[in-house]
Amino acid sequence: GPTSTGLTQAIGLGKGTVELDDFDHCD
């Protein structure tokens, strides 16, 4: 619940922003 509430207020989306391919490009 804090994810849906907190992310919606902060970035306008109550879900994560990454996809699996992002783990191939992170440092």
PDB file of all heavy atoms in Angstrom:
ATOM      1  N   GLY A   1       0.809  -1.207   0.000  1.00  0.00           N
ATOM      2  CA  GLY A   1       0.000   0.000   0.000  1.00  0.00           C
ATOM      3  C   GLY A   1       0.848   1.265   0.000  1.00  0.00           C
ATOM      4  O   GLY A   1       0.571   2.219  -0.741  1.00  0.00           O
ATOM      5  N   PRO A   2       1.932   1.328   0.818  1.00  0.00           N
ATOM      6  CA  PRO A   2       2.793   2.510   0.779  1.00  0.00           C
ATOM      7  C   PRO A   2       3.470   2.733  -0.569  1.00  0.00           C
ATOM      8  O   PRO A   2       3.814   3.874  -0.908  1.00  0.00           O
ATOM      9  CB  PRO A   2       3.835   2.212   1.868  1.00  0.00           C
ATOM     10  CG  PRO A   2       3.106   1.333   2.841  1.00  0.00           C
ATOM     11  CD  PRO A   2       2.260   0.446   1.960  1.00  0.00           C
ATOM     12  N   THR A   3       3.663   1.658  -1.340  1.00  0.00           N
ATOM     13  CA  THR A   3       4.216   1.832  -2.681  1.00  0.00           C
ATOM     14  C   THR A   3       3.223   2.557  -3.571  1.00  0.00           C
ATOM     15  O   THR A   3       3.562   3.538  -4.245  1.00  0.00           O
ATOM     16  CB  THR A   3       4.571   0.459  -3.284  1.00  0.00           C
ATOM     17  OG1 THR A   3       5.676  -0.097  -2.578  1.00  0.00           O
ATOM     18  CG2 THR A   3       4.917   0.565  -4.757  1.00  0.00           C
ATOM     19  N   SER A   4       1.984   2.071  -3.597  1.00  0.00           N
ATOM     20  CA  SER A   4       0.967   2.704  -4.437  1.00  0.00           C
ATOM     21  C   SER A   4       0.765   4.164  -4.032  1.00  0.00           C
ATOM     22  O   SER A   4       0.703   5.055  -4.886  1.00  0.00           O
ATOM     23  CB  SER A   4      -0.358   1.939  -4.319  1.00  0.00           C
ATOM     24  OG  SER A   4      -0.208   0.602  -4.739  1.00  0.00           O
ATOM     25  N   THR A   5       0.677   4.419  -2.727  1.00  0.00           N
ATOM     26  CA  THR A   5       0.451   5.776  -2.243  1.00  0.00           C
ATOM     27  C   THR A   5       1.681   6.653  -2.421  1.00  0.00           C
ATOM     28  O   THR A   5       1.608   7.758  -2.978  1.00  0.00           O
ATOM     29  CB  THR A   5       0.052   5.745  -0.754  1.00  0.00           C
ATOM     30  OG1 THR A   5      -1.122   4.947  -0.596  1.00  0.00           O
ATOM     31  CG2 THR A   5      -0.203   7.139  -0.228  1.00  0.00           C
ATOM     32  N   GLY A   6       2.825   6.158  -1.971  1.00  0.00           N
ATOM     33  CA  GLY A   6       4.043   6.973  -1.982  1.00  0.00           C
ATOM     34  C   GLY A   6       4.561   7.280  -3.369  1.00  0.00           C
ATOM     35  O   GLY A   6       4.945   8.428  -3.661  1.00  0.00           O
ATOM     36  N   LEU A   7       4.594   6.272  -4.248  1.00  0.00           N
ATOM     37  CA  LEU A   7       5.103   6.508  -5.591  1.00  0.00           C
ATOM     38  C   LEU A   7       4.157   7.379  -6.400  1.00  0.00           C
ATOM     39  O   LEU A   7       4.596   8.202  -7.213  1.00  0.00           O
ATOM     40  CB  LEU A   7       5.348   5.181  -6.306  1.00  0.00           C
ATOM     41  CG  LEU A   7       6.472   4.304  -5.757  1.00  0.00           C
ATOM     42  CD1 LEU A   7       6.672   3.072  -6.641  1.00  0.00           C
ATOM     43  CD2 LEU A   7       7.780   5.072  -5.639  1.00  0.00           C
ATOM     44  N   THR A   8       2.861   7.213  -6.218  1.00  0.00           N
ATOM     45  CA  THR A   8       1.909   8.038  -6.954  1.00  0.00           C
ATOM     46  C   THR A   8       2.107   9.513  -6.621  1.00  0.00           C
ATOM     47  O   THR A   8       2.106  10.375  -7.518  1.00  0.00           O
ATOM     48  CB  THR A   8       0.469   7.607  -6.639  1.00  0.00           C
ATOM     49  OG1 THR A   8       0.292   6.246  -7.039  1.00  0.00           O
ATOM     50  CG2 THR A   8      -0.541   8.474  -7.385  1.00  0.00           C
ATOM     51  N   GLN A   9       2.288   9.827  -5.347  1.00  0.00           N
ATOM     52  CA  GLN A   9       2.511  11.216  -4.953  1.00  0.00           C
ATOM     53  C   GLN A   9       3.845  11.742  -5.487  1.00  0.00           C
ATOM     54  O   GLN A   9       3.956  12.906  -5.869  1.00  0.00           O
ATOM     55  CB  GLN A   9       2.494  11.332  -3.432  1.00  0.00           C
ATOM     56  CG  GLN A   9       1.146  11.048  -2.796  1.00  0.00           C
ATOM     57  CD  GLN A   9       1.222  10.979  -1.276  1.00  0.00           C
ATOM     58  OE1 GLN A   9       2.297  11.170  -0.683  1.00  0.00           O
ATOM     59  NE2 GLN A   9       0.102  10.693  -0.640  1.00  0.00           N
ATOM     60  N   ALA A  10       4.861  10.878  -5.532  1.00  0.00           N
ATOM     61  CA  ALA A  10       6.207  11.324  -5.886  1.00  0.00           C
ATOM     62  C   ALA A  10       6.449  11.379  -7.393  1.00  0.00           C
ATOM     63  O   ALA A  10       7.022  12.351  -7.901  1.00  0.00           O
ATOM     64  CB  ALA A  10       7.241  10.417  -5.228  1.00  0.00           C
ATOM     65  N   ILE A  11       6.009  10.344  -8.110  1.00  0.00           N
ATOM     66  CA  ILE A  11       6.341  10.280  -9.542  1.00  0.00           C
ATOM     67  C   ILE A  11       5.126  10.069 -10.428  1.00  0.00           C
ATOM     68  O   ILE A  11       5.261   9.906 -11.645  1.00  0.00           O
ATOM     69  CB  ILE A  11       7.385   9.171  -9.819  1.00  0.00           C
ATOM     70  CG1 ILE A  11       6.851   7.788  -9.430  1.00  0.00           C
ATOM     71  CG2 ILE A  11       8.700   9.489  -9.108  1.00  0.00           C
ATOM     72  CD1 ILE A  11       7.777   6.638  -9.800  1.00  0.00           C
ATOM     73  N   GLY A  12       3.924  10.041  -9.828  1.00  0.00           N
ATOM     74  CA  GLY A  12       2.707   9.919 -10.629  1.00  0.00           C
ATOM     75  C   GLY A  12       2.430   8.530 -11.126  1.00  0.00           C
ATOM     76  O   GLY A  12       1.617   8.329 -12.028  1.00  0.00           O
ATOM     77  N   LEU A  13       3.064   7.518 -10.540  1.00  0.00           N
ATOM     78  CA  LEU A  13       2.892   6.126 -10.948  1.00  0.00           C
ATOM     79  C   LEU A  13       3.050   5.255  -9.714  1.00  0.00           C
ATOM     80  O   LEU A  13       4.089   5.308  -9.053  1.00  0.00           O
ATOM     81  CB  LEU A  13       3.948   5.744 -12.002  1.00  0.00           C
ATOM     82  CG  LEU A  13       4.003   4.288 -12.446  1.00  0.00           C
ATOM     83  CD1 LEU A  13       2.820   3.959 -13.351  1.00  0.00           C
ATOM     84  CD2 LEU A  13       5.313   4.010 -13.192  1.00  0.00           C
ATOM     85  N   GLY A  14       2.029   4.455  -9.394  1.00  0.00           N
ATOM     86  CA  GLY A  14       2.080   3.637  -8.190  1.00  0.00           C
ATOM     87  C   GLY A  14       2.775   2.313  -8.382  1.00  0.00           C
ATOM     88  O   GLY A  14       2.481   1.344  -7.680  1.00  0.00           O
ATOM     89  N   LYS A  15       3.700   2.240  -9.316  1.00  0.00           N
ATOM     90  CA  LYS A  15       4.422   1.002  -9.624  1.00  0.00           C
ATOM     91  C   LYS A  15       5.895   1.331  -9.817  1.00  0.00           C
ATOM     92  O   LYS A  15       6.293   2.494  -9.885  1.00  0.00           O
ATOM     93  CB  LYS A  15       3.895   0.368 -10.918  1.00  0.00           C
ATOM     94  CG  LYS A  15       2.406   0.117 -10.970  1.00  0.00           C
ATOM     95  CD  LYS A  15       2.003  -0.455 -12.326  1.00  0.00           C
ATOM     96  CE  LYS A  15       0.493  -0.679 -12.417  1.00  0.00           C
ATOM     97  NZ  LYS A  15       0.105  -1.272 -13.719  1.00  0.00           N
ATOM     98  N   GLY A  16       6.693   0.275  -9.963  1.00  0.00           N
ATOM     99  CA  GLY A  16       8.108   0.469 -10.238  1.00  0.00           C
ATOM    100  C   GLY A  16       8.349   1.013 -11.632  1.00  0.00           C
ATOM    101  O   GLY A  16       7.489   0.945 -12.511  1.00  0.00           O
ATOM    102  N   THR A  17       9.546   1.540 -11.835  1.00  0.00           N
ATOM    103  CA  THR A  17       9.892   2.133 -13.135  1.00  0.00           C
ATOM    104  C   THR A  17      10.857   1.284 -13.944  1.00  0.00           C
ATOM    105  O   THR A  17      11.070   1.568 -15.125  1.00  0.00           O
ATOM    106  CB  THR A  17      10.520   3.521 -12.937  1.00  0.00           C
ATOM    107  OG1 THR A  17      11.755   3.387 -12.216  1.00  0.00           O
ATOM    108  CG2 THR A  17       9.588   4.442 -12.175  1.00  0.00           C
ATOM    109  N   VAL A  18      11.465   0.260 -13.340  1.00  0.00           N
ATOM    110  CA  VAL A  18      12.480  -0.507 -14.067  1.00  0.00           C
ATOM    111  C   VAL A  18      11.862  -1.726 -14.740  1.00  0.00           C
ATOM    112  O   VAL A  18      10.777  -2.184 -14.378  1.00  0.00           O
ATOM    113  CB  VAL A  18      13.627  -0.962 -13.142  1.00  0.00           C
ATOM    114  CG1 VAL A  18      14.256   0.213 -12.433  1.00  0.00           C
ATOM    115  CG2 VAL A  18      13.143  -1.986 -12.138  1.00  0.00           C
ATOM    116  N   GLU A  19      12.559  -2.220 -15.731  1.00  0.00           N
ATOM    117  CA  GLU A  19      12.242  -3.519 -16.325  1.00  0.00           C
ATOM    118  C   GLU A  19      13.471  -4.399 -16.222  1.00  0.00           C
ATOM    119  O   GLU A  19      14.564  -3.940 -15.848  1.00  0.00           O
ATOM    120  CB  GLU A  19      11.756  -3.366 -17.763  1.00  0.00           C
ATOM    121  CG  GLU A  19      12.621  -2.550 -18.674  1.00  0.00           C
ATOM    122  CD  GLU A  19      11.937  -2.285 -20.005  1.00  0.00           C
ATOM    123  OE1 GLU A  19      11.292  -3.208 -20.522  1.00  0.00           O
ATOM    124  OE2 GLU A  19      12.055  -1.169 -20.517  1.00  0.00           O
ATOM    125  N   LEU A  20      13.313  -5.672 -16.538  1.00  0.00           N
ATOM    126  CA  LEU A  20      14.388  -6.630 -16.275  1.00  0.00           C
ATOM    127  C   LEU A  20      15.675  -6.260 -17.011  1.00  0.00           C
ATOM    128  O   LEU A  20      16.777  -6.429 -16.480  1.00  0.00           O
ATOM    129  CB  LEU A  20      13.921  -8.036 -16.662  1.00  0.00           C
ATOM    130  CG  LEU A  20      14.674  -9.206 -16.031  1.00  0.00           C
ATOM    131  CD1 LEU A  20      14.688  -9.113 -14.517  1.00  0.00           C
ATOM    132  CD2 LEU A  20      14.055 -10.526 -16.474  1.00  0.00           C
ATOM    133  N   ASP A  21      15.564  -5.720 -18.226  1.00  0.00           N
ATOM    134  CA  ASP A  21      16.759  -5.351 -18.989  1.00  0.00           C
ATOM    135  C   ASP A  21      17.596  -4.286 -18.295  1.00  0.00           C
ATOM    136  O   ASP A  21      18.801  -4.167 -18.552  1.00  0.00           O
ATOM    137  CB  ASP A  21      16.372  -4.862 -20.384  1.00  0.00           C
ATOM    138  CG  ASP A  21      15.907  -5.994 -21.292  1.00  0.00           C
ATOM    139  OD1 ASP A  21      16.118  -7.168 -20.923  1.00  0.00           O
ATOM    140  OD2 ASP A  21      15.333  -5.704 -22.357  1.00  0.00           O
ATOM    141  N   ASP A  22      16.977  -3.480 -17.427  1.00  0.00           N
ATOM    142  CA  ASP A  22      17.739  -2.438 -16.739  1.00  0.00           C
ATOM    143  C   ASP A  22      18.843  -3.025 -15.870  1.00  0.00           C
ATOM    144  O   ASP A  22      19.870  -2.363 -15.631  1.00  0.00           O
ATOM    145  CB  ASP A  22      16.807  -1.574 -15.889  1.00  0.00           C
ATOM    146  CG  ASP A  22      15.997  -0.587 -16.710  1.00  0.00           C
ATOM    147  OD1 ASP A  22      16.595   0.086 -17.571  1.00  0.00           O
ATOM    148  OD2 ASP A  22      14.776  -0.496 -16.504  1.00  0.00           O
ATOM    149  N   PHE A  23      18.664  -4.259 -15.397  1.00  0.00           N
ATOM    150  CA  PHE A  23      19.698  -4.879 -14.571  1.00  0.00           C
ATOM    151  C   PHE A  23      20.947  -5.216 -15.393  1.00  0.00           C
ATOM    152  O   PHE A  23      22.003  -5.476 -14.815  1.00  0.00           O
ATOM    153  CB  PHE A  23      19.150  -6.127 -13.878  1.00  0.00           C
ATOM    154  CG  PHE A  23      18.219  -5.815 -12.739  1.00  0.00           C
ATOM    155  CD1 PHE A  23      16.871  -5.594 -12.962  1.00  0.00           C
ATOM    156  CD2 PHE A  23      18.688  -5.713 -11.442  1.00  0.00           C
ATOM    157  CE1 PHE A  23      16.000  -5.290 -11.922  1.00  0.00           C
ATOM    158  CE2 PHE A  23      17.833  -5.414 -10.386  1.00  0.00           C
ATOM    159  CZ  PHE A  23      16.483  -5.191 -10.630  1.00  0.00           C
ATOM    160  N   ASP A  24      20.830  -5.200 -16.720  1.00  0.00           N
ATOM    161  CA  ASP A  24      21.999  -5.405 -17.588  1.00  0.00           C
ATOM    162  C   ASP A  24      22.804  -4.129 -17.775  1.00  0.00           C
ATOM    163  O   ASP A  24      23.914  -4.165 -18.320  1.00  0.00           O
ATOM    164  CB  ASP A  24      21.559  -5.918 -18.958  1.00  0.00           C
ATOM    165  CG  ASP A  24      20.908  -7.282 -18.896  1.00  0.00           C
ATOM    166  OD1 ASP A  24      21.254  -8.057 -17.980  1.00  0.00           O
ATOM    167  OD2 ASP A  24      20.048  -7.577 -19.754  1.00  0.00           O
ATOM    168  N   HIS A  25      22.268  -2.990 -17.341  1.00  0.00           N
ATOM    169  CA  HIS A  25      22.907  -1.699 -17.630  1.00  0.00           C
ATOM    170  C   HIS A  25      23.232  -0.888 -16.384  1.00  0.00           C
ATOM    171  O   HIS A  25      23.822   0.185 -16.496  1.00  0.00           O
ATOM    172  CB  HIS A  25      21.996  -0.866 -18.538  1.00  0.00           C
ATOM    173  CG  HIS A  25      21.612  -1.564 -19.810  1.00  0.00           C
ATOM    174  ND1 HIS A  25      22.499  -1.774 -20.847  1.00  0.00           N
ATOM    175  CD2 HIS A  25      20.441  -2.136 -20.203  1.00  0.00           C
ATOM    176  CE1 HIS A  25      21.893  -2.427 -21.831  1.00  0.00           C
ATOM    177  NE2 HIS A  25      20.643  -2.658 -21.461  1.00  0.00           N
ATOM    178  N   CYS A  26      22.871  -1.370 -15.220  1.00  0.00           N
ATOM    179  CA  CYS A  26      23.121  -0.597 -14.000  1.00  0.00           C
ATOM    180  C   CYS A  26      24.570  -0.765 -13.546  1.00  0.00           C
ATOM    181  O   CYS A  26      25.231  -1.757 -13.838  1.00  0.00           O
ATOM    182  CB  CYS A  26      22.174  -1.026 -12.896  1.00  0.00           C
ATOM    183  SG  CYS A  26      22.379  -2.741 -12.375  1.00  0.00           S
ATOM    184  N   ASP A  27      25.044   0.223 -12.804  1.00  0.00           N
ATOM    185  CA  ASP A  27      26.346   0.127 -12.134  1.00  0.00           C
ATOM    186  C   ASP A  27      26.193  -0.336 -10.694  1.00  0.00           C
ATOM    187  O   ASP A  27      27.124  -0.877 -10.108  1.00  0.00           O
ATOM    188  CB  ASP A  27      27.045   1.492 -12.119  1.00  0.00           C
ATOM    189  CG  ASP A  27      27.500   1.944 -13.489  1.00  0.00           C
ATOM    190  OD1 ASP A  27      27.645   1.089 -14.377  1.00  0.00           O
ATOM    191  OD2 ASP A  27      27.680   3.162 -13.676  1.00  0.00           O
TER     192      ASP A  27
END
